[in-house]
C-alpha cells in the first residue's frame, strides 16, 4: 500500500487510529491487490510489542484473502483484548478453531 517493503512497522501507511477514543483502532483500504496476505499488530512502530492470532503477544500472523483488487479491507484492533479482526468486503466469514475468531480466506 505504498511502503518501501513488507512488514515495516515504522511505515505509517497502514496506521490504525482511534479518533473517538473508544479503544478500537481501525484502518480501511481498497489498495490491496487480489491475493493472500498475513497481518499482525505492531505497537509503537516496532516489533518489540506485537500481537497476532488470538491477541497473543508475538503470536502467529493472521491470514486473510482479498478476492479481487480494489475490495475494501477493514482492520479493527481492540486495545484491551489485543485481537485484530480483518474483514474483507463481500467475504463470507467462517469460524476457526485454530484462530478462535472469524476470518475469510488466507495467504
PDB file of N, CA and C in Angstrom:
ATOM      1  N   UNK A   1       0.813  -1.210   0.000  1.00  0.00           N
ATOM      2  CA  UNK A   1       0.000   0.000   0.000  1.00  0.00           C
ATOM      3  C   UNK A   1       0.850   1.265   0.000  1.00  0.00           C
ATOM      4  N   UNK A   2       2.089   1.098  -0.422  1.00  0.00           N
ATOM      5  CA  UNK A   2       2.928   2.270  -0.577  1.00  0.00           C
ATOM      6  C   UNK A   2       4.165   2.303   0.295  1.00  0.00           C
ATOM      7  N   UNK A   3       4.363   1.326   1.161  1.00  0.00           N
ATOM      8  CA  UNK A   3       5.584   1.278   1.970  1.00  0.00           C
ATOM      9  C   UNK A   3       6.715   0.720   1.106  1.00  0.00           C
ATOM     10  N   UNK A   4       7.969   1.082   1.425  1.00  0.00           N
ATOM     11  CA  UNK A   4       9.081   0.610   0.602  1.00  0.00           C
ATOM     12  C   UNK A   4       9.275  -0.908   0.641  1.00  0.00           C
ATOM     13  N   UNK A   5       8.777  -1.578   1.685  1.00  0.00           N
ATOM     14  CA  UNK A   5       8.910  -3.026   1.795  1.00  0.00           C
ATOM     15  C   UNK A   5       7.786  -3.599   2.639  1.00  0.00           C
ATOM     16  N   UNK A   6       7.746  -4.912   2.741  1.00  0.00           N
ATOM     17  CA  UNK A   6       6.749  -5.582   3.567  1.00  0.00           C
ATOM     18  C   UNK A   6       7.200  -5.642   5.021  1.00  0.00           C
ATOM     19  N   UNK A   7       6.225  -5.759   5.925  1.00  0.00           N
ATOM     20  CA  UNK A   7       6.488  -5.966   7.344  1.00  0.00           C
ATOM     21  C   UNK A   7       7.336  -4.853   7.947  1.00  0.00           C
ATOM     22  N   UNK A   8       7.012  -3.613   7.635  1.00  0.00           N
ATOM     23  CA  UNK A   8       7.723  -2.452   8.174  1.00  0.00           C
ATOM     24  C   UNK A   8       6.811  -1.703   9.147  1.00  0.00           C
ATOM     25  N   UNK A   9       6.914  -1.985  10.459  1.00  0.00           N
ATOM     26  CA  UNK A   9       6.021  -1.344  11.420  1.00  0.00           C
ATOM     27  C   UNK A   9       6.218   0.161  11.527  1.00  0.00           C
ATOM     28  N   UNK A  10       7.335   0.679  11.043  1.00  0.00           N
ATOM     29  CA  UNK A  10       7.579   2.122  11.109  1.00  0.00           C
ATOM     30  C   UNK A  10       6.991   2.867   9.901  1.00  0.00           C
ATOM     31  N   UNK A  11       6.420   2.151   8.940  1.00  0.00           N
ATOM     32  CA  UNK A  11       5.740   2.778   7.808  1.00  0.00           C
ATOM     33  C   UNK A  11       4.287   2.993   8.212  1.00  0.00           C
ATOM     34  N   UNK A  12       3.857   4.230   8.263  1.00  0.00           N
ATOM     35  CA  UNK A  12       2.536   4.560   8.788  1.00  0.00           C
ATOM     36  C   UNK A  12       1.422   4.540   7.738  1.00  0.00           C
ATOM     37  N   UNK A  13       1.670   3.967   6.580  1.00  0.00           N
ATOM     38  CA  UNK A  13       0.624   3.879   5.553  1.00  0.00           C
ATOM     39  C   UNK A  13      -0.554   3.025   6.021  1.00  0.00           C
ATOM     40  N   UNK A  14      -0.328   2.097   6.928  1.00  0.00           N
ATOM     41  CA  UNK A  14      -1.400   1.230   7.432  1.00  0.00           C
ATOM     42  C   UNK A  14      -1.671   1.481   8.924  1.00  0.00           C
ATOM     43  N   UNK A  15      -1.471   2.702   9.345  1.00  0.00           N
ATOM     44  CA  UNK A  15      -1.629   3.091  10.747  1.00  0.00           C
ATOM     45  C   UNK A  15      -3.084   2.978  11.177  1.00  0.00           C
ATOM     46  N   UNK A  16      -3.358   2.170  12.198  1.00  0.00           N
ATOM     47  CA  UNK A  16      -4.692   2.067  12.762  1.00  0.00           C
ATOM     48  C   UNK A  16      -4.887   3.206  13.744  1.00  0.00           C
ATOM     49  N   UNK A  17      -6.037   3.865  13.661  1.00  0.00           N
ATOM     50  CA  UNK A  17      -6.286   5.029  14.507  1.00  0.00           C
ATOM     51  C   UNK A  17      -7.599   4.876  15.277  1.00  0.00           C
ATOM     52  N   UNK A  18      -7.696   5.600  16.391  1.00  0.00           N
ATOM     53  CA  UNK A  18      -8.874   5.576  17.266  1.00  0.00           C
ATOM     54  C   UNK A  18      -9.341   7.004  17.526  1.00  0.00           C
ATOM     55  N   UNK A  19      -9.921   7.668  16.527  1.00  0.00           N
ATOM     56  CA  UNK A  19     -10.282   9.079  16.688  1.00  0.00           C
ATOM     57  C   UNK A  19     -11.347   9.345  17.755  1.00  0.00           C
ATOM     58  N   UNK A  20     -12.223   8.364  18.038  1.00  0.00           N
ATOM     59  CA  UNK A  20     -13.254   8.617  19.050  1.00  0.00           C
ATOM     60  C   UNK A  20     -12.839   8.152  20.446  1.00  0.00           C
ATOM     61  N   UNK A  21     -11.651   7.588  20.592  1.00  0.00           N
ATOM     62  CA  UNK A  21     -11.110   7.233  21.902  1.00  0.00           C
ATOM     63  C   UNK A  21     -11.794   6.061  22.589  1.00  0.00           C
ATOM     64  N   UNK A  22     -12.452   5.170  21.823  1.00  0.00           N
ATOM     65  CA  UNK A  22     -13.161   4.055  22.449  1.00  0.00           C
ATOM     66  C   UNK A  22     -12.315   2.797  22.624  1.00  0.00           C
ATOM     67  N   UNK A  23     -11.033   2.850  22.244  1.00  0.00           N
ATOM     68  CA  UNK A  23     -10.148   1.698  22.414  1.00  0.00           C
ATOM     69  C   UNK A  23     -10.142   0.747  21.230  1.00  0.00           C
ATOM     70  N   UNK A  24     -10.906   1.055  20.185  1.00  0.00           N
ATOM     71  CA  UNK A  24     -10.895   0.256  18.963  1.00  0.00           C
ATOM     72  C   UNK A  24     -10.226   1.069  17.863  1.00  0.00           C
ATOM     73  N   UNK A  25      -9.128   0.552  17.364  1.00  0.00           N
ATOM     74  CA  UNK A  25      -8.333   1.213  16.337  1.00  0.00           C
ATOM     75  C   UNK A  25      -8.654   0.580  14.990  1.00  0.00           C
ATOM     76  N   UNK A  26      -8.851   1.396  13.957  1.00  0.00           N
ATOM     77  CA  UNK A  26      -9.229   0.862  12.657  1.00  0.00           C
ATOM     78  C   UNK A  26      -8.397   1.455  11.523  1.00  0.00           C
ATOM     79  N   UNK A  27      -8.384   0.716  10.435  1.00  0.00           N
ATOM     80  CA  UNK A  27      -7.776   1.151   9.183  1.00  0.00           C
ATOM     81  C   UNK A  27      -8.548   0.471   8.066  1.00  0.00           C
ATOM     82  N   UNK A  28      -8.911   1.231   7.029  1.00  0.00           N
ATOM     83  CA  UNK A  28      -9.636   0.695   5.877  1.00  0.00           C
ATOM     84  C   UNK A  28      -8.851   1.034   4.617  1.00  0.00           C
ATOM     85  N   UNK A  29      -8.756   0.061   3.716  1.00  0.00           N
ATOM     86  CA  UNK A  29      -8.070   0.298   2.451  1.00  0.00           C
ATOM     87  C   UNK A  29      -8.751  -0.460   1.314  1.00  0.00           C
ATOM     88  N   UNK A  30      -8.603   0.067   0.123  1.00  0.00           N
ATOM     89  CA  UNK A  30      -9.004  -0.634  -1.103  1.00  0.00           C
ATOM     90  C   UNK A  30      -7.776  -0.811  -1.999  1.00  0.00           C
ATOM     91  N   UNK A  31      -6.594  -0.636  -1.437  1.00  0.00           N
ATOM     92  CA  UNK A  31      -5.355  -0.631  -2.205  1.00  0.00           C
ATOM     93  C   UNK A  31      -4.653  -1.986  -2.301  1.00  0.00           C
ATOM     94  N   UNK A  32      -5.205  -3.033  -1.708  1.00  0.00           N
ATOM     95  CA  UNK A  32      -4.543  -4.334  -1.767  1.00  0.00           C
ATOM     96  C   UNK A  32      -4.927  -5.074  -3.045  1.00  0.00           C
ATOM     97  N   UNK A  33      -3.949  -5.526  -3.808  1.00  0.00           N
ATOM     98  CA  UNK A  33      -4.255  -6.340  -4.978  1.00  0.00           C
ATOM     99  C   UNK A  33      -4.849  -7.685  -4.528  1.00  0.00           C
ATOM    100  N   UNK A  34      -5.565  -8.347  -5.427  1.00  0.00           N
ATOM    101  CA  UNK A  34      -6.105  -9.668  -5.118  1.00  0.00           C
ATOM    102  C   UNK A  34      -4.963 -10.584  -4.680  1.00  0.00           C
ATOM    103  N   UNK A  35      -5.232 -11.404  -3.670  1.00  0.00           N
ATOM    104  CA  UNK A  35      -4.227 -12.350  -3.218  1.00  0.00           C
ATOM    105  C   UNK A  35      -4.369 -12.701  -1.759  1.00  0.00           C
ATOM    106  N   UNK A  36      -3.434 -13.491  -1.301  1.00  0.00           N
ATOM    107  CA  UNK A  36      -3.387 -13.952   0.082  1.00  0.00           C
ATOM    108  C   UNK A  36      -2.412 -13.102   0.867  1.00  0.00           C
ATOM    109  N   UNK A  37      -2.778 -12.804   2.117  1.00  0.00           N
ATOM    110  CA  UNK A  37      -1.973 -11.929   2.964  1.00  0.00           C
ATOM    111  C   UNK A  37      -1.923 -12.446   4.382  1.00  0.00           C
ATOM    112  N   UNK A  38      -1.029 -11.860   5.167  1.00  0.00           N
ATOM    113  CA  UNK A  38      -0.955 -12.101   6.592  1.00  0.00           C
ATOM    114  C   UNK A  38      -0.741 -10.766   7.278  1.00  0.00           C
ATOM    115  N   UNK A  39      -1.223 -10.658   8.508  1.00  0.00           N
ATOM    116  CA  UNK A  39      -1.070  -9.411   9.252  1.00  0.00           C
ATOM    117  C   UNK A  39      -0.933  -9.706  10.730  1.00  0.00           C
ATOM    118  N   UNK A  40      -0.450  -8.733  11.464  1.00  0.00           N
ATOM    119  CA  UNK A  40      -0.467  -8.716  12.920  1.00  0.00           C
ATOM    120  C   UNK A  40      -0.303  -7.266  13.333  1.00  0.00           C
ATOM    121  N   UNK A  41      -0.490  -6.975  14.587  1.00  0.00           N
ATOM    122  CA  UNK A  41      -0.405  -5.606  15.092  1.00  0.00           C
ATOM    123  C   UNK A  41       0.983  -5.373  15.686  1.00  0.00           C
ATOM    124  N   UNK A  42       1.614  -4.281  15.293  1.00  0.00           N
ATOM    125  CA  UNK A  42       2.885  -3.850  15.875  1.00  0.00           C
ATOM    126  C   UNK A  42       2.622  -2.536  16.615  1.00  0.00           C
ATOM    127  N   UNK A  43       3.074  -2.461  17.851  1.00  0.00           N
ATOM    128  CA  UNK A  43       2.853  -1.289  18.693  1.00  0.00           C
ATOM    129  C   UNK A  43       4.095  -0.390  18.662  1.00  0.00           C
ATOM    130  N   UNK A  44       3.875   0.913  18.651  1.00  0.00           N
ATOM    131  CA  UNK A  44       4.957   1.912  18.715  1.00  0.00           C
ATOM    132  C   UNK A  44       5.974   1.792  17.582  1.00  0.00           C
ATOM    133  N   UNK A  45       5.475   1.444  16.380  1.00  0.00           N
ATOM    134  CA  UNK A  45       6.299   1.410  15.174  1.00  0.00           C
ATOM    135  C   UNK A  45       7.492   0.468  15.268  1.00  0.00           C
ATOM    136  N   UNK A  46       7.360  -0.615  16.039  1.00  0.00           N
ATOM    137  CA  UNK A  46       8.437  -1.594  16.139  1.00  0.00           C
ATOM    138  C   UNK A  46       7.850  -2.970  16.424  1.00  0.00           C
ATOM    139  N   UNK A  47       8.670  -4.008  16.283  1.00  0.00           N
ATOM    140  CA  UNK A  47       8.222  -5.369  16.574  1.00  0.00           C
ATOM    141  C   UNK A  47       8.461  -5.756  18.024  1.00  0.00           C
ATOM    142  N   UNK A  48       8.983  -4.835  18.865  1.00  0.00           N
ATOM    143  CA  UNK A  48       9.212  -5.164  20.278  1.00  0.00           C
ATOM    144  C   UNK A  48       7.934  -5.597  20.969  1.00  0.00           C
ATOM    145  N   UNK A  49       6.796  -4.970  20.606  1.00  0.00           N
ATOM    146  CA  UNK A  49       5.485  -5.372  21.126  1.00  0.00           C
ATOM    147  C   UNK A  49       4.578  -5.597  19.930  1.00  0.00           C
ATOM    148  N   UNK A  50       4.131  -6.847  19.767  1.00  0.00           N
ATOM    149  CA  UNK A  50       3.235  -7.173  18.653  1.00  0.00           C
ATOM    150  C   UNK A  50       2.219  -8.214  19.110  1.00  0.00           C
ATOM    151  N   UNK A  51       1.097  -8.277  18.371  1.00  0.00           N
ATOM    152  CA  UNK A  51       0.029  -9.209  18.712  1.00  0.00           C
ATOM    153  C   UNK A  51      -0.466  -9.889  17.447  1.00  0.00           C
ATOM    154  N   UNK A  52      -0.616 -11.203  17.521  1.00  0.00           N
ATOM    155  CA  UNK A  52      -1.081 -11.971  16.383  1.00  0.00           C
ATOM    156  C   UNK A  52      -2.377 -12.699  16.689  1.00  0.00           C
ATOM    157  N   UNK A  53      -2.470 -13.925  16.226  1.00  0.00           N
ATOM    158  CA  UNK A  53      -3.661 -14.749  16.397  1.00  0.00           C
ATOM    159  C   UNK A  53      -4.100 -14.762  17.860  1.00  0.00           C
ATOM    160  N   UNK A  54      -5.388 -14.594  18.089  1.00  0.00           N
ATOM    161  CA  UNK A  54      -5.994 -14.590  19.436  1.00  0.00           C
ATOM    162  C   UNK A  54      -5.460 -13.483  20.333  1.00  0.00           C
ATOM    163  N   UNK A  55      -4.809 -12.463  19.758  1.00  0.00           N
ATOM    164  CA  UNK A  55      -4.266 -11.379  20.556  1.00  0.00           C
ATOM    165  C   UNK A  55      -3.032 -11.775  21.351  1.00  0.00           C
ATOM    166  N   UNK A  56      -2.403 -12.877  20.976  1.00  0.00           N
ATOM    167  CA  UNK A  56      -1.234 -13.367  21.703  1.00  0.00           C
ATOM    168  C   UNK A  56      -0.009 -12.489  21.433  1.00  0.00           C
ATOM    169  N   UNK A  57       0.717 -12.102  22.485  1.00  0.00           N
ATOM    170  CA  UNK A  57       1.949 -11.326  22.296  1.00  0.00           C
ATOM    171  C   UNK A  57       2.924 -12.103  21.411  1.00  0.00           C
ATOM    172  N   UNK A  58       3.391 -11.465  20.349  1.00  0.00           N
ATOM    173  CA  UNK A  58       4.318 -12.114  19.427  1.00  0.00           C
ATOM    174  C   UNK A  58       3.700 -13.297  18.700  1.00  0.00           C
ATOM    175  N   UNK A  59       2.372 -13.405  18.727  1.00  0.00           N
ATOM    176  CA  UNK A  59       1.659 -14.557  18.162  1.00  0.00           C
ATOM    177  C   UNK A  59       1.794 -14.694  16.656  1.00  0.00           C
ATOM    178  N   UNK A  60       1.265 -15.799  16.176  1.00  0.00           N
ATOM    179  CA  UNK A  60       1.313 -16.117  14.744  1.00  0.00           C
ATOM    180  C   UNK A  60       0.576 -15.063  13.923  1.00  0.00           C
ATOM    181  N   UNK A  61       0.998 -14.923  12.686  1.00  0.00           N
ATOM    182  CA  UNK A  61       0.348 -13.997  11.760  1.00  0.00           C
ATOM    183  C   UNK A  61      -1.101 -14.415  11.525  1.00  0.00           C
ATOM    184  N   UNK A  62      -1.943 -13.431  11.218  1.00  0.00           N
ATOM    185  CA  UNK A  62      -3.357 -13.669  10.934  1.00  0.00           C
ATOM    186  C   UNK A  62      -3.538 -13.655   9.413  1.00  0.00           C
ATOM    187  N   UNK A  63      -3.909 -14.796   8.834  1.00  0.00           N
ATOM    188  CA  UNK A  63      -4.063 -14.862   7.381  1.00  0.00           C
ATOM    189  C   UNK A  63      -5.404 -14.309   6.924  1.00  0.00           C
ATOM    190  N   UNK A  64      -5.413 -13.715   5.716  1.00  0.00           N
ATOM    191  CA  UNK A  64      -6.659 -13.279   5.097  1.00  0.00           C
ATOM    192  C   UNK A  64      -6.481 -13.248   3.587  1.00  0.00           C
ATOM    193  N   UNK A  65      -7.591 -13.196   2.874  1.00  0.00           N
ATOM    194  CA  UNK A  65      -7.576 -13.283   1.416  1.00  0.00           C
ATOM    195  C   UNK A  65      -8.407 -12.164   0.815  1.00  0.00           C
ATOM    196  N   UNK A  66      -7.871 -11.509  -0.197  1.00  0.00           N
ATOM    197  CA  UNK A  66      -8.586 -10.479  -0.946  1.00  0.00           C
ATOM    198  C   UNK A  66      -8.916 -11.090  -2.308  1.00  0.00           C
ATOM    199  N   UNK A  67     -10.215 -11.267  -2.586  1.00  0.00           N
ATOM    200  CA  UNK A  67     -10.651 -11.964  -3.795  1.00  0.00           C
ATOM    201  C   UNK A  67     -10.429 -11.195  -5.080  1.00  0.00           C
ATOM    202  N   UNK A  68     -10.571  -9.875  -5.023  1.00  0.00           N
ATOM    203  CA  UNK A  68     -10.394  -9.042  -6.208  1.00  0.00           C
ATOM    204  C   UNK A  68      -9.693  -7.757  -5.817  1.00  0.00           C
ATOM    205  N   UNK A  69      -8.855  -7.248  -6.683  1.00  0.00           N
ATOM    206  CA  UNK A  69      -8.209  -5.953  -6.429  1.00  0.00           C
ATOM    207  C   UNK A  69      -9.284  -4.897  -6.226  1.00  0.00           C
ATOM    208  N   UNK A  70      -9.050  -3.982  -5.291  1.00  0.00           N
ATOM    209  CA  UNK A  70      -9.981  -2.894  -5.034  1.00  0.00           C
ATOM    210  C   UNK A  70     -11.042  -3.202  -3.993  1.00  0.00           C
ATOM    211  N   UNK A  71     -11.078  -4.427  -3.476  1.00  0.00           N
ATOM    212  CA  UNK A  71     -12.055  -4.739  -2.428  1.00  0.00           C
ATOM    213  C   UNK A  71     -11.696  -3.985  -1.149  1.00  0.00           C
ATOM    214  N   UNK A  72     -12.710  -3.587  -0.400  1.00  0.00           N
ATOM    215  CA  UNK A  72     -12.473  -2.886   0.855  1.00  0.00           C
ATOM    216  C   UNK A  72     -12.047  -3.889   1.930  1.00  0.00           C
ATOM    217  N   UNK A  73     -10.948  -3.567   2.615  1.00  0.00           N
ATOM    218  CA  UNK A  73     -10.449  -4.399   3.708  1.00  0.00           C
ATOM    219  C   UNK A  73     -10.418  -3.535   4.962  1.00  0.00           C
ATOM    220  N   UNK A  74     -11.082  -4.010   6.018  1.00  0.00           N
ATOM    221  CA  UNK A  74     -11.141  -3.305   7.297  1.00  0.00           C
ATOM    222  C   UNK A  74     -10.316  -4.065   8.315  1.00  0.00           C
ATOM    223  N   UNK A  75      -9.391  -3.357   8.949  1.00  0.00           N
ATOM    224  CA  UNK A  75      -8.602  -3.890  10.054  1.00  0.00           C
ATOM    225  C   UNK A  75      -9.120  -3.209  11.315  1.00  0.00           C
ATOM    226  N   UNK A  76      -9.485  -3.981  12.323  1.00  0.00           N
ATOM    227  CA  UNK A  76     -10.026  -3.433  13.558  1.00  0.00           C
ATOM    228  C   UNK A  76      -9.317  -4.099  14.737  1.00  0.00           C
ATOM    229  N   UNK A  77      -8.675  -3.285  15.578  1.00  0.00           N
ATOM    230  CA  UNK A  77      -7.864  -3.779  16.691  1.00  0.00           C
ATOM    231  C   UNK A  77      -8.453  -3.311  18.011  1.00  0.00           C
ATOM    232  N   UNK A  78      -8.694  -4.242  18.929  1.00  0.00           N
ATOM    233  CA  UNK A  78      -9.204  -3.949  20.260  1.00  0.00           C
ATOM    234  C   UNK A  78      -8.012  -3.836  21.213  1.00  0.00           C
ATOM    235  N   UNK A  79      -7.794  -2.650  21.760  1.00  0.00           N
ATOM    236  CA  UNK A  79      -6.618  -2.395  22.607  1.00  0.00           C
ATOM    237  C   UNK A  79      -6.672  -3.128  23.939  1.00  0.00           C
ATOM    238  N   UNK A  80      -7.840  -3.584  24.358  1.00  0.00           N
ATOM    239  CA  UNK A  80      -7.959  -4.314  25.624  1.00  0.00           C
ATOM    240  C   UNK A  80      -7.636  -5.795  25.422  1.00  0.00           C
ATOM    241  N   UNK A  81      -8.250  -6.413  24.415  1.00  0.00           N
ATOM    242  CA  UNK A  81      -8.042  -7.845  24.172  1.00  0.00           C
ATOM    243  C   UNK A  81      -6.847  -8.116  23.261  1.00  0.00           C
ATOM    244  N   UNK A  82      -6.388  -7.087  22.561  1.00  0.00           N
ATOM    245  CA  UNK A  82      -5.292  -7.169  21.577  1.00  0.00           C
ATOM    246  C   UNK A  82      -5.671  -8.014  20.360  1.00  0.00           C
ATOM    247  N   UNK A  83      -6.958  -8.215  20.133  1.00  0.00           N
ATOM    248  CA  UNK A  83      -7.404  -9.005  18.988  1.00  0.00           C
ATOM    249  C   UNK A  83      -7.590  -8.106  17.772  1.00  0.00           C
ATOM    250  N   UNK A  84      -6.976  -8.522  16.671  1.00  0.00           N
ATOM    251  CA  UNK A  84      -7.113  -7.857  15.386  1.00  0.00           C
ATOM    252  C   UNK A  84      -8.128  -8.638  14.561  1.00  0.00           C
ATOM    253  N   UNK A  85      -9.162  -7.953  14.092  1.00  0.00           N
ATOM    254  CA  UNK A  85     -10.163  -8.553  13.214  1.00  0.00           C
ATOM    255  C   UNK A  85      -9.968  -7.959  11.827  1.00  0.00           C
ATOM    256  N   UNK A  86      -9.959  -8.815  10.825  1.00  0.00           N
ATOM    257  CA  UNK A  86      -9.781  -8.381   9.442  1.00  0.00           C
ATOM    258  C   UNK A  86     -11.018  -8.789   8.659  1.00  0.00           C
ATOM    259  N   UNK A  87     -11.681  -7.803   8.054  1.00  0.00           N
ATOM    260  CA  UNK A  87     -12.897  -8.055   7.304  1.00  0.00           C
ATOM    261  C   UNK A  87     -12.694  -7.601   5.863  1.00  0.00           C
ATOM    262  N   UNK A  88     -12.952  -8.508   4.930  1.00  0.00           N
ATOM    263  CA  UNK A  88     -12.838  -8.195   3.510  1.00  0.00           C
ATOM    264  C   UNK A  88     -14.244  -8.073   2.946  1.00  0.00           C
ATOM    265  N   UNK A  89     -14.511  -6.957   2.268  1.00  0.00           N
ATOM    266  CA  UNK A  89     -15.810  -6.706   1.639  1.00  0.00           C
ATOM    267  C   UNK A  89     -16.249  -7.911   0.815  1.00  0.00           C
ATOM    268  N   UNK A  90     -17.472  -8.358   1.040  1.00  0.00           N
ATOM    269  CA  UNK A  90     -18.014  -9.451   0.261  1.00  0.00           C
ATOM    270  C   UNK A  90     -17.534 -10.827   0.677  1.00  0.00           C
ATOM    271  N   UNK A  91     -16.647 -10.917   1.663  1.00  0.00           N
ATOM    272  CA  UNK A  91     -16.144 -12.220   2.100  1.00  0.00           C
ATOM    273  C   UNK A  91     -17.170 -12.900   2.989  1.00  0.00           C
ATOM    274  N   UNK A  92     -17.185 -14.200   2.952  1.00  0.00           N
ATOM    275  CA  UNK A  92     -18.041 -14.975   3.842  1.00  0.00           C
ATOM    276  C   UNK A  92     -17.187 -15.383   5.029  1.00  0.00           C
ATOM    277  N   UNK A  93     -17.559 -14.929   6.220  1.00  0.00           N
ATOM    278  CA  UNK A  93     -16.798 -15.251   7.420  1.00  0.00           C
ATOM    279  C   UNK A  93     -17.035 -16.700   7.819  1.00  0.00           C
ATOM    280  N   UNK A  94     -15.983 -17.361   8.252  1.00  0.00           N
ATOM    281  CA  UNK A  94     -16.087 -18.732   8.745  1.00  0.00           C
ATOM    282  C   UNK A  94     -15.412 -18.798  10.098  1.00  0.00           C
ATOM    283  N   UNK A  95     -15.966 -19.604  11.004  1.00  0.00           N
ATOM    284  CA  UNK A  95     -15.342 -19.742  12.312  1.00  0.00           C
ATOM    285  C   UNK A  95     -14.104 -20.601  12.186  1.00  0.00           C
ATOM    286  N   UNK A  96     -13.131 -20.320  13.036  1.00  0.00           N
ATOM    287  CA  UNK A  96     -11.886 -21.059  13.020  1.00  0.00           C
ATOM    288  C   UNK A  96     -11.550 -21.497  14.436  1.00  0.00           C
ATOM    289  N   UNK A  97     -11.343 -22.787  14.620  1.00  0.00           N
ATOM    290  CA  UNK A  97     -10.948 -23.270  15.936  1.00  0.00           C
ATOM    291  C   UNK A  97      -9.507 -22.893  16.232  1.00  0.00           C
ATOM    292  N   UNK A  98      -8.638 -22.870  15.225  1.00  0.00           N
ATOM    293  CA  UNK A  98      -7.240 -22.572  15.469  1.00  0.00           C
ATOM    294  C   UNK A  98      -7.022 -21.103  15.768  1.00  0.00           C
ATOM    295  N   UNK A  99      -7.856 -20.237  15.222  1.00  0.00           N
ATOM    296  CA  UNK A  99      -7.694 -18.804  15.453  1.00  0.00           C
ATOM    297  C   UNK A  99      -8.596 -18.338  16.564  1.00  0.00           C
ATOM    298  N   UNK A 100      -9.767 -18.972  16.723  1.00  0.00           N
ATOM    299  CA  UNK A 100     -10.698 -18.595  17.765  1.00  0.00           C
ATOM    300  C   UNK A 100     -11.538 -17.382  17.397  1.00  0.00           C
ATOM    301  N   UNK A 101     -11.560 -17.010  16.142  1.00  0.00           N
ATOM    302  CA  UNK A 101     -12.316 -15.852  15.710  1.00  0.00           C
ATOM    303  C   UNK A 101     -12.958 -16.116  14.370  1.00  0.00           C
ATOM    304  N   UNK A 102     -13.208 -15.063  13.639  1.00  0.00           N
ATOM    305  CA  UNK A 102     -13.775 -15.174  12.302  1.00  0.00           C
ATOM    306  C   UNK A 102     -12.730 -14.758  11.282  1.00  0.00           C
ATOM    307  N   UNK A 103     -12.773 -15.382  10.119  1.00  0.00           N
ATOM    308  CA  UNK A 103     -11.849 -14.995   9.050  1.00  0.00           C
ATOM    309  C   UNK A 103     -12.469 -15.340   7.719  1.00  0.00           C
ATOM    310  N   UNK A 104     -11.883 -14.828   6.666  1.00  0.00           N
ATOM    311  CA  UNK A 104     -12.390 -15.128   5.332  1.00  0.00           C
ATOM    312  C   UNK A 104     -11.496 -16.205   4.712  1.00  0.00           C
ATOM    313  N   UNK A 105     -10.459 -15.824   4.012  1.00  0.00           N
ATOM    314  CA  UNK A 105      -9.532 -16.760   3.404  1.00  0.00           C
ATOM    315  C   UNK A 105      -8.110 -16.338   3.754  1.00  0.00           C
ATOM    316  N   UNK A 106      -7.108 -17.079   3.277  1.00  0.00           N
ATOM    317  CA  UNK A 106      -5.753 -16.864   3.767  1.00  0.00           C
ATOM    318  C   UNK A 106      -4.705 -16.563   2.715  1.00  0.00           C
ATOM    319  N   UNK A 107      -3.554 -16.176   3.215  1.00  0.00           N
ATOM    320  CA  UNK A 107      -2.336 -16.027   2.408  1.00  0.00           C
ATOM    321  C   UNK A 107      -1.395 -17.133   2.757  1.00  0.00           C
TER     322      UNK A 107
END
